[in-house]
Amino acid sequence: MAVIGGKLNLSVPLKLKTARDSYATTLMRGGISKDDIGSMLGHSNSIVTEHYLASLDIEKTHQINAGLF
């Protein structure tokens, strides 16, 4: 992962969790179904995927935190 992150000249270290989060978020934003995302991530059932994707709503987090400024 470090080699890939270096080739991409990323500003933060690339870790497996970061890569999986980015992958899932990109698929979700592209309208891919949660079942298909779960399948691609190797999740055993949709409950795992639901829990995983629930923590990825960064846009909602930014909206909430915008109220602080």
N, C-alpha and C. Protein backbone atom coordinates (compact mmCIF):
# COMPACT_ATOMS: atom_id res chain seq x y z
N MET A 1 0.83 -1.18 0.00
CA MET A 1 0.00 0.00 0.00
C MET A 1 0.88 1.25 0.00
N ALA A 2 2.01 1.19 0.69
CA ALA A 2 2.91 2.35 0.75
C ALA A 2 3.46 2.68 -0.63
N VAL A 3 3.76 1.65 -1.41
CA VAL A 3 4.30 1.87 -2.76
C VAL A 3 3.25 2.54 -3.64
N ILE A 4 2.02 2.04 -3.56
CA ILE A 4 0.94 2.64 -4.36
C ILE A 4 0.71 4.08 -3.93
N GLY A 5 0.66 4.33 -2.63
CA GLY A 5 0.47 5.69 -2.13
C GLY A 5 1.58 6.62 -2.60
N GLY A 6 2.82 6.11 -2.64
CA GLY A 6 3.94 6.91 -3.12
C GLY A 6 3.82 7.23 -4.59
N LYS A 7 3.40 6.25 -5.39
CA LYS A 7 3.24 6.47 -6.83
C LYS A 7 2.13 7.47 -7.12
N LEU A 8 1.12 7.47 -6.26
CA LEU A 8 0.01 8.41 -6.44
C LEU A 8 0.28 9.77 -5.80
N ASN A 9 1.41 9.87 -5.11
CA ASN A 9 1.81 11.12 -4.45
C ASN A 9 0.71 11.62 -3.50
N LEU A 10 0.20 10.69 -2.70
CA LEU A 10 -0.87 11.05 -1.76
C LEU A 10 -0.31 11.83 -0.59
N SER A 11 -1.14 12.69 -0.03
CA SER A 11 -0.70 13.52 1.09
C SER A 11 -0.81 12.81 2.44
N VAL A 12 -1.51 11.67 2.46
CA VAL A 12 -1.63 10.87 3.68
C VAL A 12 -1.21 9.44 3.36
N PRO A 13 -0.74 8.71 4.37
CA PRO A 13 -0.34 7.33 4.11
C PRO A 13 -1.54 6.48 3.67
N LEU A 14 -1.33 5.67 2.66
CA LEU A 14 -2.39 4.79 2.19
C LEU A 14 -2.37 3.50 2.99
N LYS A 15 -3.47 3.24 3.64
CA LYS A 15 -3.61 2.01 4.43
C LYS A 15 -4.78 1.22 3.84
N LEU A 16 -4.82 -0.06 4.13
CA LEU A 16 -5.87 -0.91 3.58
C LEU A 16 -7.25 -0.38 3.94
N LYS A 17 -7.45 0.04 5.18
CA LYS A 17 -8.75 0.57 5.58
C LYS A 17 -9.12 1.81 4.77
N THR A 18 -8.16 2.69 4.56
CA THR A 18 -8.40 3.90 3.77
C THR A 18 -8.79 3.54 2.35
N ALA A 19 -8.08 2.58 1.77
CA ALA A 19 -8.37 2.16 0.40
C ALA A 19 -9.76 1.55 0.30
N ARG A 20 -10.13 0.71 1.26
CA ARG A 20 -11.46 0.08 1.25
C ARG A 20 -12.55 1.14 1.45
N ASP A 21 -12.32 2.08 2.36
CA ASP A 21 -13.29 3.16 2.57
C ASP A 21 -13.49 3.97 1.30
N SER A 22 -12.40 4.32 0.66
CA SER A 22 -12.47 5.12 -0.58
C SER A 22 -13.19 4.35 -1.68
N TYR A 23 -12.86 3.07 -1.80
CA TYR A 23 -13.49 2.22 -2.80
C TYR A 23 -15.00 2.16 -2.58
N ALA A 24 -15.40 1.87 -1.35
CA ALA A 24 -16.83 1.76 -1.04
C ALA A 24 -17.55 3.09 -1.23
N THR A 25 -16.92 4.17 -0.81
CA THR A 25 -17.53 5.49 -0.96
C THR A 25 -17.71 5.85 -2.43
N THR A 26 -16.71 5.57 -3.22
CA THR A 26 -16.78 5.87 -4.66
C THR A 26 -17.90 5.07 -5.31
N LEU A 27 -18.00 3.78 -4.97
CA LEU A 27 -19.08 2.96 -5.53
C LEU A 27 -20.44 3.47 -5.09
N MET A 28 -20.58 3.82 -3.79
CA MET A 28 -21.85 4.33 -3.28
C MET A 28 -22.25 5.61 -3.99
N ARG A 29 -21.30 6.54 -4.16
CA ARG A 29 -21.59 7.79 -4.87
C ARG A 29 -21.95 7.55 -6.33
N GLY A 30 -21.46 6.45 -6.88
CA GLY A 30 -21.76 6.10 -8.28
C GLY A 30 -23.07 5.37 -8.44
N GLY A 31 -23.80 5.19 -7.33
CA GLY A 31 -25.12 4.58 -7.40
C GLY A 31 -25.10 3.06 -7.39
N ILE A 32 -23.99 2.45 -7.03
CA ILE A 32 -23.91 1.00 -6.96
C ILE A 32 -24.68 0.53 -5.72
N SER A 33 -25.39 -0.57 -5.86
CA SER A 33 -26.21 -1.06 -4.75
C SER A 33 -25.34 -1.51 -3.58
N LYS A 34 -25.91 -1.43 -2.40
CA LYS A 34 -25.20 -1.86 -1.20
C LYS A 34 -24.87 -3.34 -1.25
N ASP A 35 -25.75 -4.14 -1.85
CA ASP A 35 -25.47 -5.57 -1.98
C ASP A 35 -24.25 -5.81 -2.87
N ASP A 36 -24.17 -5.07 -3.97
CA ASP A 36 -23.01 -5.22 -4.87
C ASP A 36 -21.73 -4.73 -4.20
N ILE A 37 -21.81 -3.64 -3.46
CA ILE A 37 -20.63 -3.13 -2.73
C ILE A 37 -20.17 -4.17 -1.72
N GLY A 38 -21.11 -4.72 -0.97
CA GLY A 38 -20.78 -5.76 0.01
C GLY A 38 -20.13 -6.96 -0.64
N SER A 39 -20.63 -7.34 -1.78
CA SER A 39 -20.04 -8.47 -2.51
C SER A 39 -18.61 -8.18 -2.92
N MET A 40 -18.37 -6.98 -3.42
CA MET A 40 -17.02 -6.60 -3.85
C MET A 40 -16.06 -6.50 -2.67
N LEU A 41 -16.57 -6.14 -1.49
CA LEU A 41 -15.72 -6.03 -0.31
C LEU A 41 -15.58 -7.36 0.42
N GLY A 42 -16.31 -8.37 -0.04
CA GLY A 42 -16.21 -9.69 0.57
C GLY A 42 -16.97 -9.83 1.88
N HIS A 43 -17.99 -8.99 2.06
CA HIS A 43 -18.78 -9.07 3.29
C HIS A 43 -19.67 -10.31 3.25
N SER A 44 -19.83 -10.93 4.40
CA SER A 44 -20.60 -12.17 4.49
C SER A 44 -22.11 -11.93 4.39
N ASN A 45 -22.56 -10.74 4.77
CA ASN A 45 -23.99 -10.44 4.66
C ASN A 45 -24.20 -8.93 4.57
N SER A 46 -25.43 -8.55 4.25
CA SER A 46 -25.72 -7.14 4.02
C SER A 46 -25.68 -6.31 5.30
N ILE A 47 -25.82 -6.94 6.46
CA ILE A 47 -25.76 -6.20 7.72
C ILE A 47 -24.37 -5.62 7.92
N VAL A 48 -23.35 -6.38 7.57
CA VAL A 48 -21.97 -5.89 7.67
C VAL A 48 -21.79 -4.68 6.76
N THR A 49 -22.30 -4.77 5.54
CA THR A 49 -22.16 -3.67 4.58
C THR A 49 -22.92 -2.45 5.06
N GLU A 50 -24.13 -2.63 5.58
CA GLU A 50 -24.92 -1.51 6.09
C GLU A 50 -24.16 -0.78 7.19
N HIS A 51 -23.59 -1.53 8.11
CA HIS A 51 -22.83 -0.93 9.21
C HIS A 51 -21.60 -0.20 8.66
N TYR A 52 -20.93 -0.80 7.71
CA TYR A 52 -19.72 -0.24 7.12
C TYR A 52 -20.03 1.07 6.40
N LEU A 53 -21.06 1.07 5.57
CA LEU A 53 -21.40 2.26 4.78
C LEU A 53 -21.98 3.38 5.65
N ALA A 54 -22.61 3.02 6.75
CA ALA A 54 -23.18 4.04 7.63
C ALA A 54 -22.11 4.96 8.18
N SER A 55 -20.90 4.44 8.32
CA SER A 55 -19.82 5.26 8.88
C SER A 55 -19.11 6.08 7.81
N LEU A 56 -19.53 5.98 6.57
CA LEU A 56 -18.82 6.64 5.48
C LEU A 56 -19.46 7.93 5.01
N ASP A 57 -20.51 8.39 5.64
CA ASP A 57 -21.23 9.56 5.16
C ASP A 57 -20.50 10.84 5.56
N ILE A 58 -19.38 11.09 4.94
CA ILE A 58 -18.54 12.24 5.26
C ILE A 58 -19.22 13.55 4.90
N GLU A 59 -20.03 13.55 3.85
CA GLU A 59 -20.73 14.77 3.47
C GLU A 59 -21.66 15.23 4.59
N LYS A 60 -22.38 14.28 5.20
CA LYS A 60 -23.27 14.61 6.31
C LYS A 60 -22.46 15.16 7.49
N THR A 61 -21.32 14.57 7.75
CA THR A 61 -20.45 15.05 8.83
C THR A 61 -20.01 16.48 8.57
N HIS A 62 -19.64 16.79 7.33
CA HIS A 62 -19.23 18.16 7.00
C HIS A 62 -20.39 19.14 7.14
N GLN A 63 -21.58 18.74 6.75
CA GLN A 63 -22.75 19.60 6.90
C GLN A 63 -22.99 19.93 8.38
N ILE A 64 -22.94 18.92 9.21
CA ILE A 64 -23.17 19.13 10.63
C ILE A 64 -22.10 20.03 11.23
N ASN A 65 -20.84 19.75 10.89
CA ASN A 65 -19.74 20.54 11.44
C ASN A 65 -19.68 21.96 10.90
N ALA A 66 -20.31 22.22 9.77
CA ALA A 66 -20.34 23.56 9.20
C ALA A 66 -21.06 24.53 10.14
N GLY A 67 -21.94 24.00 10.97
CA GLY A 67 -22.66 24.82 11.93
C GLY A 67 -21.75 25.38 13.03
N LEU A 68 -20.53 24.88 13.10
CA LEU A 68 -19.59 25.35 14.11
C LEU A 68 -18.90 26.65 13.71
N PHE A 69 -18.97 26.98 12.45
CA PHE A 69 -18.21 28.14 11.96
C PHE A 69 -19.07 29.38 11.85
